[in-house]
């Protein structure tokens, strides 16, 4: 480990008194068909200090077939620091790696932004500052879901609860501190390059896989609960199923590759799927076994009622469907990938 990758307490104190130069920051937004969200995202990122106009902001587009790139090109007249990078590999992992490889010589910090998110003022500058002040190799932040349609609202209301995300620290977490993993916001580019960036064979869960390698190399991840973002979750069952099945497959690949163990919150969906499926099969010869799938459905129904009452909205009645889709698709993806011996 090189000297510049380790910071003493005195150095961190000195950093805290020194504002990060915008010239050392590169912000990246991976996109693929984000015409609905990209302008709102960019405008939120550009809100705040005039220093933001000195930060290169690159939209790494994976070949959008909608108006994503056209919108960005139009915005470049208003924000000259905005650029477009074409990402032929399409994946987010490739987008970050491509941006890091082509970063300006002065850049030492990479800030990752997501097109589905709405950012607080000075987000880019605050992420860079916190990364430096805490002497972290990576900075992660909490995500607060916020929906627009009825399904998105139900999704937002349930995802940040223990029944939704299982209590992950970066899902609505309130406490800052060192963590094993979280939603990536900022990277020390020296560390990013040292461990080889994202693994581009991962379409999902590339962030968790990165954090495993970072931890093994001695890098640390800091969760700053004072920097929060809003994001818009998936708005229908099909897209939500596809999203969480991919998450499950990614987690299974991560477990295979690094020998990582699942946490209790990650085991719960697998138990729900296998228990419900077993109950349905056993019920053919032993009807009381139906208590397993019916019990799970009852939990989802009660959660729907609770969310609807809590938020005084009938949209909350969809919360159980959202939670069930998350659980079963994640477990389905995980088990399918875990059983695919020798295949990635």
C-alpha atoms as a PDB file:
ATOM      1  CA  UNK A   1       0.000   0.000   0.000  1.00  0.00           C
ATOM      2  CA  UNK A   2       1.472   3.309  -1.072  1.00  0.00           C
ATOM      3  CA  UNK A   3       1.871   6.261   1.265  1.00  0.00           C
ATOM      4  CA  UNK A   4      -0.610   8.454  -0.640  1.00  0.00           C
ATOM      5  CA  UNK A   5      -3.344   5.860  -0.124  1.00  0.00           C
ATOM      6  CA  UNK A   6      -3.103   6.081   3.675  1.00  0.00           C
ATOM      7  CA  UNK A   7      -4.070   9.206   5.573  1.00  0.00           C
ATOM      8  CA  UNK A   8      -3.220   9.934   9.173  1.00  0.00           C
ATOM      9  CA  UNK A   9      -5.631  11.668  11.573  1.00  0.00           C
ATOM     10  CA  UNK A  10      -3.605  14.884  11.244  1.00  0.00           C
ATOM     11  CA  UNK A  11      -3.877  14.773   7.471  1.00  0.00           C
ATOM     12  CA  UNK A  12      -7.623  14.241   7.662  1.00  0.00           C
ATOM     13  CA  UNK A  13      -7.952  17.263   9.919  1.00  0.00           C
ATOM     14  CA  UNK A  14      -5.952  19.332   7.446  1.00  0.00           C
ATOM     15  CA  UNK A  15      -8.115  18.066   4.585  1.00  0.00           C
ATOM     16  CA  UNK A  16     -11.266  19.063   6.457  1.00  0.00           C
ATOM     17  CA  UNK A  17     -10.066  22.659   6.433  1.00  0.00           C
ATOM     18  CA  UNK A  18      -9.231  22.631   2.713  1.00  0.00           C
ATOM     19  CA  UNK A  19     -11.956  22.828   0.106  1.00  0.00           C
ATOM     20  CA  UNK A  20     -11.551  20.278  -2.672  1.00  0.00           C
ATOM     21  CA  UNK A  21     -10.533  21.821  -5.978  1.00  0.00           C
ATOM     22  CA  UNK A  22     -13.296  21.169  -8.575  1.00  0.00           C
ATOM     23  CA  UNK A  23     -10.562  20.451 -11.128  1.00  0.00           C
ATOM     24  CA  UNK A  24      -9.695  17.165  -9.400  1.00  0.00           C
ATOM     25  CA  UNK A  25     -13.258  15.823  -9.701  1.00  0.00           C
ATOM     26  CA  UNK A  26     -14.860  13.892 -12.554  1.00  0.00           C
ATOM     27  CA  UNK A  27     -18.580  13.109 -12.322  1.00  0.00           C
ATOM     28  CA  UNK A  28     -20.117  10.304 -14.377  1.00  0.00           C
ATOM     29  CA  UNK A  29     -23.753   9.471 -15.148  1.00  0.00           C
ATOM     30  CA  UNK A  30     -24.240   6.058 -16.820  1.00  0.00           C
ATOM     31  CA  UNK A  31     -27.379   6.051 -18.979  1.00  0.00           C
ATOM     32  CA  UNK A  32     -29.453   3.783 -21.181  1.00  0.00           C
ATOM     33  CA  UNK A  33     -32.851   5.087 -22.303  1.00  0.00           C
ATOM     34  CA  UNK A  34     -33.235   7.631 -19.514  1.00  0.00           C
ATOM     35  CA  UNK A  35     -35.075  10.367 -21.442  1.00  0.00           C
ATOM     36  CA  UNK A  36     -37.715  10.596 -18.729  1.00  0.00           C
ATOM     37  CA  UNK A  37     -35.208  11.308 -15.955  1.00  0.00           C
ATOM     38  CA  UNK A  38     -31.935  12.648 -17.353  1.00  0.00           C
ATOM     39  CA  UNK A  39     -32.738  16.383 -17.496  1.00  0.00           C
ATOM     40  CA  UNK A  40     -34.086  16.441 -13.933  1.00  0.00           C
ATOM     41  CA  UNK A  41     -30.988  14.548 -12.792  1.00  0.00           C
ATOM     42  CA  UNK A  42     -28.530  16.900 -14.514  1.00  0.00           C
ATOM     43  CA  UNK A  43     -30.276  20.052 -13.337  1.00  0.00           C
ATOM     44  CA  UNK A  44     -30.233  18.807  -9.763  1.00  0.00           C
ATOM     45  CA  UNK A  45     -26.505  18.055 -10.032  1.00  0.00           C
ATOM     46  CA  UNK A  46     -25.810  21.554 -11.357  1.00  0.00           C
ATOM     47  CA  UNK A  47     -27.775  23.309  -8.582  1.00  0.00           C
ATOM     48  CA  UNK A  48     -25.711  25.145  -5.973  1.00  0.00           C
ATOM     49  CA  UNK A  49     -22.216  26.559  -6.009  1.00  0.00           C
ATOM     50  CA  UNK A  50     -20.854  28.155  -9.219  1.00  0.00           C
ATOM     51  CA  UNK A  51     -17.840  25.868  -8.684  1.00  0.00           C
ATOM     52  CA  UNK A  52     -19.967  23.006 -10.068  1.00  0.00           C
ATOM     53  CA  UNK A  53     -19.549  24.503 -13.544  1.00  0.00           C
ATOM     54  CA  UNK A  54     -15.830  23.721 -13.247  1.00  0.00           C
ATOM     55  CA  UNK A  55     -16.444  20.002 -12.690  1.00  0.00           C
ATOM     56  CA  UNK A  56     -16.488  17.835 -15.838  1.00  0.00           C
ATOM     57  CA  UNK A  57     -19.781  15.902 -15.885  1.00  0.00           C
ATOM     58  CA  UNK A  58     -19.836  13.030 -18.357  1.00  0.00           C
ATOM     59  CA  UNK A  59     -22.960  11.181 -19.453  1.00  0.00           C
ATOM     60  CA  UNK A  60     -21.734   7.704 -20.429  1.00  0.00           C
ATOM     61  CA  UNK A  61     -24.506   6.448 -22.696  1.00  0.00           C
ATOM     62  CA  UNK A  62     -24.905   2.788 -23.548  1.00  0.00           C
ATOM     63  CA  UNK A  63     -26.644   3.321 -26.881  1.00  0.00           C
ATOM     64  CA  UNK A  64     -29.997   4.801 -25.901  1.00  0.00           C
ATOM     65  CA  UNK A  65     -32.767   4.418 -28.470  1.00  0.00           C
ATOM     66  CA  UNK A  66     -34.806   7.250 -26.954  1.00  0.00           C
ATOM     67  CA  UNK A  67     -33.991  10.976 -26.690  1.00  0.00           C
ATOM     68  CA  UNK A  68     -31.478  10.664 -23.844  1.00  0.00           C
ATOM     69  CA  UNK A  69     -28.455  11.813 -25.861  1.00  0.00           C
ATOM     70  CA  UNK A  70     -30.415  14.528 -27.665  1.00  0.00           C
ATOM     71  CA  UNK A  71     -31.514  15.969 -24.324  1.00  0.00           C
ATOM     72  CA  UNK A  72     -27.944  15.968 -23.040  1.00  0.00           C
ATOM     73  CA  UNK A  73     -26.673  17.630 -26.217  1.00  0.00           C
ATOM     74  CA  UNK A  74     -29.294  20.353 -25.795  1.00  0.00           C
ATOM     75  CA  UNK A  75     -28.283  20.910 -22.181  1.00  0.00           C
ATOM     76  CA  UNK A  76     -24.621  21.318 -23.153  1.00  0.00           C
ATOM     77  CA  UNK A  77     -25.409  24.842 -24.383  1.00  0.00           C
ATOM     78  CA  UNK A  78     -26.479  25.701 -20.831  1.00  0.00           C
ATOM     79  CA  UNK A  79     -23.842  23.624 -19.060  1.00  0.00           C
ATOM     80  CA  UNK A  80     -20.556  23.714 -21.029  1.00  0.00           C
ATOM     81  CA  UNK A  81     -18.952  21.317 -18.538  1.00  0.00           C
ATOM     82  CA  UNK A  82     -21.360  18.589 -19.681  1.00  0.00           C
ATOM     83  CA  UNK A  83     -20.122  15.931 -22.083  1.00  0.00           C
ATOM     84  CA  UNK A  84     -21.256  12.686 -23.715  1.00  0.00           C
ATOM     85  CA  UNK A  85     -19.199   9.506 -23.699  1.00  0.00           C
ATOM     86  CA  UNK A  86     -20.377   6.590 -25.811  1.00  0.00           C
ATOM     87  CA  UNK A  87     -20.294   3.292 -23.939  1.00  0.00           C
ATOM     88  CA  UNK A  88     -20.430   0.416 -26.460  1.00  0.00           C
ATOM     89  CA  UNK A  89     -20.514  -2.213 -23.705  1.00  0.00           C
ATOM     90  CA  UNK A  90     -23.751  -0.631 -22.389  1.00  0.00           C
ATOM     91  CA  UNK A  91     -23.289  -1.703 -18.755  1.00  0.00           C
ATOM     92  CA  UNK A  92     -22.841   0.686 -15.813  1.00  0.00           C
ATOM     93  CA  UNK A  93     -19.626  -1.063 -14.818  1.00  0.00           C
ATOM     94  CA  UNK A  94     -18.150  -0.405 -18.255  1.00  0.00           C
ATOM     95  CA  UNK A  95     -19.350   3.208 -18.148  1.00  0.00           C
ATOM     96  CA  UNK A  96     -17.448   3.930 -14.931  1.00  0.00           C
ATOM     97  CA  UNK A  97     -14.331   2.157 -16.157  1.00  0.00           C
ATOM     98  CA  UNK A  98     -14.423   4.013 -19.462  1.00  0.00           C
ATOM     99  CA  UNK A  99     -14.746   7.348 -17.690  1.00  0.00           C
ATOM    100  CA  UNK A 100     -11.947   6.527 -15.257  1.00  0.00           C
ATOM    101  CA  UNK A 101      -9.648   5.494 -18.104  1.00  0.00           C
ATOM    102  CA  UNK A 102     -10.248   8.779 -19.922  1.00  0.00           C
ATOM    103  CA  UNK A 103     -10.260  11.037 -16.854  1.00  0.00           C
ATOM    104  CA  UNK A 104      -8.312  14.325 -17.050  1.00  0.00           C
ATOM    105  CA  UNK A 105      -4.778  14.111 -15.694  1.00  0.00           C
ATOM    106  CA  UNK A 106      -5.730  16.349 -12.762  1.00  0.00           C
ATOM    107  CA  UNK A 107      -8.633  14.135 -11.677  1.00  0.00           C
ATOM    108  CA  UNK A 108      -8.175  12.248  -8.411  1.00  0.00           C
ATOM    109  CA  UNK A 109     -11.845  11.748  -7.462  1.00  0.00           C
ATOM    110  CA  UNK A 110     -14.577   9.982  -9.412  1.00  0.00           C
ATOM    111  CA  UNK A 111     -18.198  10.739  -8.474  1.00  0.00           C
ATOM    112  CA  UNK A 112     -20.857   8.292  -9.609  1.00  0.00           C
ATOM    113  CA  UNK A 113     -24.338   9.650 -10.317  1.00  0.00           C
ATOM    114  CA  UNK A 114     -27.474   7.765 -11.348  1.00  0.00           C
ATOM    115  CA  UNK A 115     -29.965   9.057 -13.893  1.00  0.00           C
ATOM    116  CA  UNK A 116     -32.934   7.848 -11.817  1.00  0.00           C
ATOM    117  CA  UNK A 117     -31.900  10.023  -8.883  1.00  0.00           C
ATOM    118  CA  UNK A 118     -32.637  13.586  -7.798  1.00  0.00           C
ATOM    119  CA  UNK A 119     -29.662  15.180  -6.061  1.00  0.00           C
ATOM    120  CA  UNK A 120     -29.383  17.779  -3.302  1.00  0.00           C
ATOM    121  CA  UNK A 121     -27.555  21.035  -3.990  1.00  0.00           C
ATOM    122  CA  UNK A 122     -23.762  20.702  -4.259  1.00  0.00           C
ATOM    123  CA  UNK A 123     -23.934  16.911  -4.222  1.00  0.00           C
ATOM    124  CA  UNK A 124     -20.818  16.436  -6.346  1.00  0.00           C
ATOM    125  CA  UNK A 125     -18.745  18.845  -4.264  1.00  0.00           C
ATOM    126  CA  UNK A 126     -20.030  17.423  -0.975  1.00  0.00           C
ATOM    127  CA  UNK A 127     -19.220  13.840  -1.984  1.00  0.00           C
ATOM    128  CA  UNK A 128     -15.684  14.792  -2.984  1.00  0.00           C
ATOM    129  CA  UNK A 129     -15.183  16.757   0.241  1.00  0.00           C
ATOM    130  CA  UNK A 130     -16.467  13.949   2.452  1.00  0.00           C
ATOM    131  CA  UNK A 131     -14.317  11.394   0.644  1.00  0.00           C
ATOM    132  CA  UNK A 132     -11.205  13.469   1.335  1.00  0.00           C
ATOM    133  CA  UNK A 133     -12.153  14.516   4.868  1.00  0.00           C
ATOM    134  CA  UNK A 134     -12.749  10.928   5.965  1.00  0.00           C
ATOM    135  CA  UNK A 135      -9.717   9.470   4.203  1.00  0.00           C
ATOM    136  CA  UNK A 136     -11.935   6.871   2.538  1.00  0.00           C
ATOM    137  CA  UNK A 137     -11.204   4.802  -0.538  1.00  0.00           C
ATOM    138  CA  UNK A 138     -14.904   4.941  -1.403  1.00  0.00           C
ATOM    139  CA  UNK A 139     -17.857   6.991  -0.186  1.00  0.00           C
ATOM    140  CA  UNK A 140     -21.376   5.577  -0.055  1.00  0.00           C
ATOM    141  CA  UNK A 141     -24.633   7.339   0.778  1.00  0.00           C
ATOM    142  CA  UNK A 142     -28.225   6.547   1.777  1.00  0.00           C
ATOM    143  CA  UNK A 143     -30.944   6.416  -0.869  1.00  0.00           C
ATOM    144  CA  UNK A 144     -34.465   7.671  -0.164  1.00  0.00           C
ATOM    145  CA  UNK A 145     -37.046   6.351  -2.613  1.00  0.00           C
ATOM    146  CA  UNK A 146     -39.720   8.727  -3.908  1.00  0.00           C
ATOM    147  CA  UNK A 147     -42.442   7.692  -6.352  1.00  0.00           C
ATOM    148  CA  UNK A 148     -44.617   9.556  -8.838  1.00  0.00           C
ATOM    149  CA  UNK A 149     -47.097   6.932 -10.046  1.00  0.00           C
ATOM    150  CA  UNK A 150     -49.183   4.832  -7.654  1.00  0.00           C
ATOM    151  CA  UNK A 151     -46.965   1.756  -8.106  1.00  0.00           C
ATOM    152  CA  UNK A 152     -43.794   3.821  -7.685  1.00  0.00           C
ATOM    153  CA  UNK A 153     -45.161   5.299  -4.459  1.00  0.00           C
ATOM    154  CA  UNK A 154     -45.929   1.861  -3.055  1.00  0.00           C
ATOM    155  CA  UNK A 155     -42.463   0.746  -4.117  1.00  0.00           C
ATOM    156  CA  UNK A 156     -40.874   3.770  -2.428  1.00  0.00           C
ATOM    157  CA  UNK A 157     -42.849   3.281   0.787  1.00  0.00           C
ATOM    158  CA  UNK A 158     -41.892  -0.388   1.189  1.00  0.00           C
ATOM    159  CA  UNK A 159     -38.362  -0.628  -0.246  1.00  0.00           C
ATOM    160  CA  UNK A 160     -36.670   1.283   2.562  1.00  0.00           C
ATOM    161  CA  UNK A 161     -38.284  -0.854   5.282  1.00  0.00           C
ATOM    162  CA  UNK A 162     -36.979  -4.136   6.736  1.00  0.00           C
ATOM    163  CA  UNK A 163     -39.598  -6.029   4.693  1.00  0.00           C
ATOM    164  CA  UNK A 164     -38.349  -4.364   1.517  1.00  0.00           C
ATOM    165  CA  UNK A 165     -34.588  -3.972   1.612  1.00  0.00           C
ATOM    166  CA  UNK A 166     -34.092  -5.927   4.804  1.00  0.00           C
ATOM    167  CA  UNK A 167     -32.647  -2.951   6.661  1.00  0.00           C
ATOM    168  CA  UNK A 168     -29.594  -2.276   4.461  1.00  0.00           C
ATOM    169  CA  UNK A 169     -27.692   0.734   5.845  1.00  0.00           C
ATOM    170  CA  UNK A 170     -27.734   2.598   2.534  1.00  0.00           C
ATOM    171  CA  UNK A 171     -31.513   2.234   2.205  1.00  0.00           C
ATOM    172  CA  UNK A 172     -32.752   5.121   4.296  1.00  0.00           C
ATOM    173  CA  UNK A 173     -29.981   4.756   6.895  1.00  0.00           C
ATOM    174  CA  UNK A 174     -29.495   7.590   9.374  1.00  0.00           C
ATOM    175  CA  UNK A 175     -26.041   6.881  10.830  1.00  0.00           C
ATOM    176  CA  UNK A 176     -22.657   7.698   9.315  1.00  0.00           C
ATOM    177  CA  UNK A 177     -19.686   5.372   9.724  1.00  0.00           C
ATOM    178  CA  UNK A 178     -17.460   2.725   8.188  1.00  0.00           C
ATOM    179  CA  UNK A 179     -19.355  -0.022   6.354  1.00  0.00           C
ATOM    180  CA  UNK A 180     -18.634  -3.049   4.186  1.00  0.00           C
ATOM    181  CA  UNK A 181     -20.871  -1.942   1.338  1.00  0.00           C
ATOM    182  CA  UNK A 182     -23.331   0.721   0.234  1.00  0.00           C
ATOM    183  CA  UNK A 183     -24.621   2.779  -2.676  1.00  0.00           C
ATOM    184  CA  UNK A 184     -21.523   4.101  -4.426  1.00  0.00           C
ATOM    185  CA  UNK A 185     -21.189   7.862  -4.723  1.00  0.00           C
ATOM    186  CA  UNK A 186     -17.463   8.650  -4.757  1.00  0.00           C
ATOM    187  CA  UNK A 187     -14.151   6.937  -5.403  1.00  0.00           C
ATOM    188  CA  UNK A 188     -10.529   7.779  -4.773  1.00  0.00           C
ATOM    189  CA  UNK A 189      -9.271   7.219  -8.333  1.00  0.00           C
ATOM    190  CA  UNK A 190      -5.938   5.871  -7.099  1.00  0.00           C
ATOM    191  CA  UNK A 191      -7.769   3.086  -5.280  1.00  0.00           C
ATOM    192  CA  UNK A 192     -10.199   2.555  -8.161  1.00  0.00           C
ATOM    193  CA  UNK A 193      -7.372   2.005 -10.609  1.00  0.00           C
ATOM    194  CA  UNK A 194      -5.289   0.001  -8.175  1.00  0.00           C
ATOM    195  CA  UNK A 195      -7.907  -2.739  -7.802  1.00  0.00           C
ATOM    196  CA  UNK A 196      -8.939  -2.666 -11.458  1.00  0.00           C
ATOM    197  CA  UNK A 197     -12.206  -0.733 -11.237  1.00  0.00           C
ATOM    198  CA  UNK A 198     -15.520  -2.476 -11.709  1.00  0.00           C
ATOM    199  CA  UNK A 199     -15.718  -6.040 -12.984  1.00  0.00           C
ATOM    200  CA  UNK A 200     -17.416  -5.591 -16.359  1.00  0.00           C
ATOM    201  CA  UNK A 201     -18.728  -9.153 -16.377  1.00  0.00           C
ATOM    202  CA  UNK A 202     -21.240  -8.051 -13.698  1.00  0.00           C
ATOM    203  CA  UNK A 203     -24.410  -6.470 -15.079  1.00  0.00           C
ATOM    204  CA  UNK A 204     -25.649  -5.978 -11.504  1.00  0.00           C
ATOM    205  CA  UNK A 205     -24.076  -6.146  -8.057  1.00  0.00           C
ATOM    206  CA  UNK A 206     -20.852  -4.748  -9.508  1.00  0.00           C
ATOM    207  CA  UNK A 207     -20.721  -2.337  -6.585  1.00  0.00           C
ATOM    208  CA  UNK A 208     -20.801  -5.078  -3.952  1.00  0.00           C
ATOM    209  CA  UNK A 209     -18.212  -7.091  -5.876  1.00  0.00           C
ATOM    210  CA  UNK A 210     -15.975  -4.006  -6.022  1.00  0.00           C
ATOM    211  CA  UNK A 211     -16.312  -3.477  -2.269  1.00  0.00           C
ATOM    212  CA  UNK A 212     -15.232  -7.047  -1.555  1.00  0.00           C
ATOM    213  CA  UNK A 213     -12.042  -6.589  -3.556  1.00  0.00           C
ATOM    214  CA  UNK A 214     -11.469  -3.171  -2.020  1.00  0.00           C
ATOM    215  CA  UNK A 215     -11.743  -4.576   1.497  1.00  0.00           C
ATOM    216  CA  UNK A 216      -9.309  -7.378   0.690  1.00  0.00           C
ATOM    217  CA  UNK A 217      -6.826  -4.780  -0.609  1.00  0.00           C
ATOM    218  CA  UNK A 218      -7.115  -2.739   2.587  1.00  0.00           C
ATOM    219  CA  UNK A 219      -9.394   0.041   1.346  1.00  0.00           C
ATOM    220  CA  UNK A 220     -12.236   1.366   3.508  1.00  0.00           C
ATOM    221  CA  UNK A 221     -15.786   2.409   2.668  1.00  0.00           C
ATOM    222  CA  UNK A 222     -17.423   5.324   4.504  1.00  0.00           C
ATOM    223  CA  UNK A 223     -21.183   5.891   4.665  1.00  0.00           C
ATOM    224  CA  UNK A 224     -22.030   9.589   4.935  1.00  0.00           C
ATOM    225  CA  UNK A 225     -25.644   9.761   6.097  1.00  0.00           C
ATOM    226  CA  UNK A 226     -25.589  13.538   5.761  1.00  0.00           C
ATOM    227  CA  UNK A 227     -25.487  13.300   1.951  1.00  0.00           C
ATOM    228  CA  UNK A 228     -28.725  11.773   0.728  1.00  0.00           C
ATOM    229  CA  UNK A 229     -30.344  11.273  -2.645  1.00  0.00           C
ATOM    230  CA  UNK A 230     -33.866  10.658  -3.831  1.00  0.00           C
ATOM    231  CA  UNK A 231     -34.409   8.069  -6.523  1.00  0.00           C
ATOM    232  CA  UNK A 232     -37.435   6.930  -8.483  1.00  0.00           C
ATOM    233  CA  UNK A 233     -37.997   3.159  -8.195  1.00  0.00           C
ATOM    234  CA  UNK A 234     -39.346   0.856 -10.899  1.00  0.00           C
ATOM    235  CA  UNK A 235     -42.955   1.517 -11.841  1.00  0.00           C
ATOM    236  CA  UNK A 236     -44.406  -1.909 -12.709  1.00  0.00           C
ATOM    237  CA  UNK A 237     -44.117  -5.580 -11.763  1.00  0.00           C
ATOM    238  CA  UNK A 238     -42.317  -6.645 -14.943  1.00  0.00           C
ATOM    239  CA  UNK A 239     -39.491  -4.132 -14.624  1.00  0.00           C
ATOM    240  CA  UNK A 240     -39.238  -4.669 -10.867  1.00  0.00           C
ATOM    241  CA  UNK A 241     -38.996  -8.452 -11.332  1.00  0.00           C
ATOM    242  CA  UNK A 242     -36.302  -8.049 -13.977  1.00  0.00           C
ATOM    243  CA  UNK A 243     -34.346  -5.647 -11.746  1.00  0.00           C
ATOM    244  CA  UNK A 244     -34.354  -7.798  -8.630  1.00  0.00           C
ATOM    245  CA  UNK A 245     -33.782 -11.078 -10.474  1.00  0.00           C
ATOM    246  CA  UNK A 246     -30.624  -9.469 -11.879  1.00  0.00           C
ATOM    247  CA  UNK A 247     -29.649  -8.354  -8.367  1.00  0.00           C
ATOM    248  CA  UNK A 248     -30.070 -11.930  -7.172  1.00  0.00           C
ATOM    249  CA  UNK A 249     -27.943 -13.330  -9.981  1.00  0.00           C
ATOM    250  CA  UNK A 250     -25.262 -10.768  -9.273  1.00  0.00           C
ATOM    251  CA  UNK A 251     -25.211 -11.616  -5.582  1.00  0.00           C
ATOM    252  CA  UNK A 252     -24.884 -15.324  -6.386  1.00  0.00           C
ATOM    253  CA  UNK A 253     -21.959 -14.654  -8.708  1.00  0.00           C
ATOM    254  CA  UNK A 254     -20.353 -12.515  -6.037  1.00  0.00           C
ATOM    255  CA  UNK A 255     -20.764 -15.284  -3.468  1.00  0.00           C
ATOM    256  CA  UNK A 256     -19.258 -17.850  -5.846  1.00  0.00           C
ATOM    257  CA  UNK A 257     -16.359 -15.636  -6.880  1.00  0.00           C
ATOM    258  CA  UNK A 258     -15.330 -14.444  -3.423  1.00  0.00           C
ATOM    259  CA  UNK A 259     -16.831 -17.012  -1.073  1.00  0.00           C
ATOM    260  CA  UNK A 260     -18.909 -14.352   0.677  1.00  0.00           C
ATOM    261  CA  UNK A 261     -21.742 -15.472   2.922  1.00  0.00           C
ATOM    262  CA  UNK A 262     -25.295 -14.209   2.756  1.00  0.00           C
ATOM    263  CA  UNK A 263     -26.640 -12.046   5.544  1.00  0.00           C
ATOM    264  CA  UNK A 264     -29.883 -12.921   7.279  1.00  0.00           C
ATOM    265  CA  UNK A 265     -31.768 -10.253   5.329  1.00  0.00           C
ATOM    266  CA  UNK A 266     -30.549 -11.886   2.103  1.00  0.00           C
ATOM    267  CA  UNK A 267     -31.513 -15.363   3.257  1.00  0.00           C
ATOM    268  CA  UNK A 268     -35.103 -14.323   3.989  1.00  0.00           C
ATOM    269  CA  UNK A 269     -36.270 -14.114   0.331  1.00  0.00           C
ATOM    270  CA  UNK A 270     -34.797 -17.538  -0.398  1.00  0.00           C
ATOM    271  CA  UNK A 271     -36.611 -19.014   2.587  1.00  0.00           C
ATOM    272  CA  UNK A 272     -39.840 -17.337   1.435  1.00  0.00           C
ATOM    273  CA  UNK A 273     -39.559 -18.759  -2.081  1.00  0.00           C
ATOM    274  CA  UNK A 274     -38.481 -22.268  -1.116  1.00  0.00           C
ATOM    275  CA  UNK A 275     -40.904 -22.464   1.814  1.00  0.00           C
ATOM    276  CA  UNK A 276     -43.864 -21.320  -0.267  1.00  0.00           C
ATOM    277  CA  UNK A 277     -42.991 -23.629  -3.151  1.00  0.00           C
ATOM    278  CA  UNK A 278     -42.481 -26.598  -0.813  1.00  0.00           C
ATOM    279  CA  UNK A 279     -45.741 -25.844   0.963  1.00  0.00           C
ATOM    280  CA  UNK A 280     -47.679 -25.868  -2.316  1.00  0.00           C
ATOM    281  CA  UNK A 281     -46.151 -29.206  -3.372  1.00  0.00           C
ATOM    282  CA  UNK A 282     -46.526 -30.922   0.009  1.00  0.00           C
ATOM    283  CA  UNK A 283     -50.118 -29.685   0.247  1.00  0.00           C
ATOM    284  CA  UNK A 284     -51.013 -32.079  -2.555  1.00  0.00           C
ATOM    285  CA  UNK A 285     -50.691 -34.916  -0.041  1.00  0.00           C
ATOM    286  CA  UNK A 286     -50.788 -32.932   3.226  1.00  0.00           C
ATOM    287  CA  UNK A 287     -53.162 -29.937   2.907  1.00  0.00           C
ATOM    288  CA  UNK A 288     -52.060 -28.229   6.170  1.00  0.00           C
ATOM    289  CA  UNK A 289     -48.741 -27.481   4.459  1.00  0.00           C
ATOM    290  CA  UNK A 290     -50.541 -24.642   2.697  1.00  0.00           C
ATOM    291  CA  UNK A 291     -49.924 -22.653   5.861  1.00  0.00           C
ATOM    292  CA  UNK A 292     -46.448 -21.875   4.480  1.00  0.00           C
ATOM    293  CA  UNK A 293     -47.454 -20.009   1.291  1.00  0.00           C
ATOM    294  CA  UNK A 294     -50.636 -18.643   2.875  1.00  0.00           C
ATOM    295  CA  UNK A 295     -48.662 -17.370   5.845  1.00  0.00           C
ATOM    296  CA  UNK A 296     -46.308 -15.530   3.504  1.00  0.00           C
ATOM    297  CA  UNK A 297     -49.223 -14.046   1.559  1.00  0.00           C
ATOM    298  CA  UNK A 298     -50.789 -12.969   4.849  1.00  0.00           C
ATOM    299  CA  UNK A 299     -47.597 -11.110   5.811  1.00  0.00           C
ATOM    300  CA  UNK A 300     -47.624  -9.305   2.467  1.00  0.00           C
ATOM    301  CA  UNK A 301     -51.314  -8.458   2.821  1.00  0.00           C
ATOM    302  CA  UNK A 302     -50.799  -7.061   6.301  1.00  0.00           C
ATOM    303  CA  UNK A 303     -47.870  -4.987   5.072  1.00  0.00           C
ATOM    304  CA  UNK A 304     -50.085  -3.553   2.321  1.00  0.00           C
ATOM    305  CA  UNK A 305     -52.737  -2.566   4.840  1.00  0.00           C
ATOM    306  CA  UNK A 306     -50.137  -1.039   7.160  1.00  0.00           C
ATOM    307  CA  UNK A 307     -48.538   1.037   4.391  1.00  0.00           C
ATOM    308  CA  UNK A 308     -51.928   2.206   3.086  1.00  0.00           C
ATOM    309  CA  UNK A 309     -52.987   3.335   6.554  1.00  0.00           C
ATOM    310  CA  UNK A 310     -49.622   4.917   7.386  1.00  0.00           C
ATOM    311  CA  UNK A 311     -49.581   6.998   4.201  1.00  0.00           C
ATOM    312  CA  UNK A 312     -53.359   7.467   4.015  1.00  0.00           C
ATOM    313  CA  UNK A 313     -53.354   6.293   0.418  1.00  0.00           C
ATOM    314  CA  UNK A 314     -54.878   3.360  -1.448  1.00  0.00           C
ATOM    315  CA  UNK A 315     -51.604   3.215  -3.411  1.00  0.00           C
ATOM    316  CA  UNK A 316     -50.163   1.575  -0.301  1.00  0.00           C
ATOM    317  CA  UNK A 317     -52.280  -1.505  -1.010  1.00  0.00           C
ATOM    318  CA  UNK A 318     -49.770  -2.336  -3.735  1.00  0.00           C
ATOM    319  CA  UNK A 319     -46.911  -2.527  -1.213  1.00  0.00           C
ATOM    320  CA  UNK A 320     -47.372  -6.248  -0.608  1.00  0.00           C
ATOM    321  CA  UNK A 321     -47.233  -6.970  -4.323  1.00  0.00           C
ATOM    322  CA  UNK A 322     -44.072  -4.878  -4.578  1.00  0.00           C
ATOM    323  CA  UNK A 323     -42.422  -6.635  -1.628  1.00  0.00           C
ATOM    324  CA  UNK A 324     -43.390 -10.082  -2.888  1.00  0.00           C
ATOM    325  CA  UNK A 325     -42.023  -9.282  -6.341  1.00  0.00           C
ATOM    326  CA  UNK A 326     -38.736  -8.117  -4.828  1.00  0.00           C
ATOM    327  CA  UNK A 327     -38.380 -11.181  -2.600  1.00  0.00           C
ATOM    328  CA  UNK A 328     -39.318 -13.885  -5.087  1.00  0.00           C
ATOM    329  CA  UNK A 329     -37.486 -12.440  -8.096  1.00  0.00           C
ATOM    330  CA  UNK A 330     -34.292 -11.896  -6.069  1.00  0.00           C
ATOM    331  CA  UNK A 331     -34.448 -15.439  -4.732  1.00  0.00           C
ATOM    332  CA  UNK A 332     -35.272 -16.835  -8.179  1.00  0.00           C
ATOM    333  CA  UNK A 333     -32.303 -15.045  -9.712  1.00  0.00           C
ATOM    334  CA  UNK A 334     -29.978 -16.060  -6.898  1.00  0.00           C
ATOM    335  CA  UNK A 335     -30.935 -19.742  -6.933  1.00  0.00           C
ATOM    336  CA  UNK A 336     -30.849 -19.914 -10.713  1.00  0.00           C
ATOM    337  CA  UNK A 337     -27.347 -18.472 -10.841  1.00  0.00           C
ATOM    338  CA  UNK A 338     -26.141 -20.494  -7.855  1.00  0.00           C
ATOM    339  CA  UNK A 339     -27.294 -23.720  -9.507  1.00  0.00           C
ATOM    340  CA  UNK A 340     -25.662 -22.850 -12.832  1.00  0.00           C
ATOM    341  CA  UNK A 341     -22.484 -24.799 -12.113  1.00  0.00           C
ATOM    342  CA  UNK A 342     -19.460 -23.352 -13.856  1.00  0.00           C
ATOM    343  CA  UNK A 343     -21.462 -20.686 -15.707  1.00  0.00           C
ATOM    344  CA  UNK A 344     -21.300 -16.948 -15.089  1.00  0.00           C
END
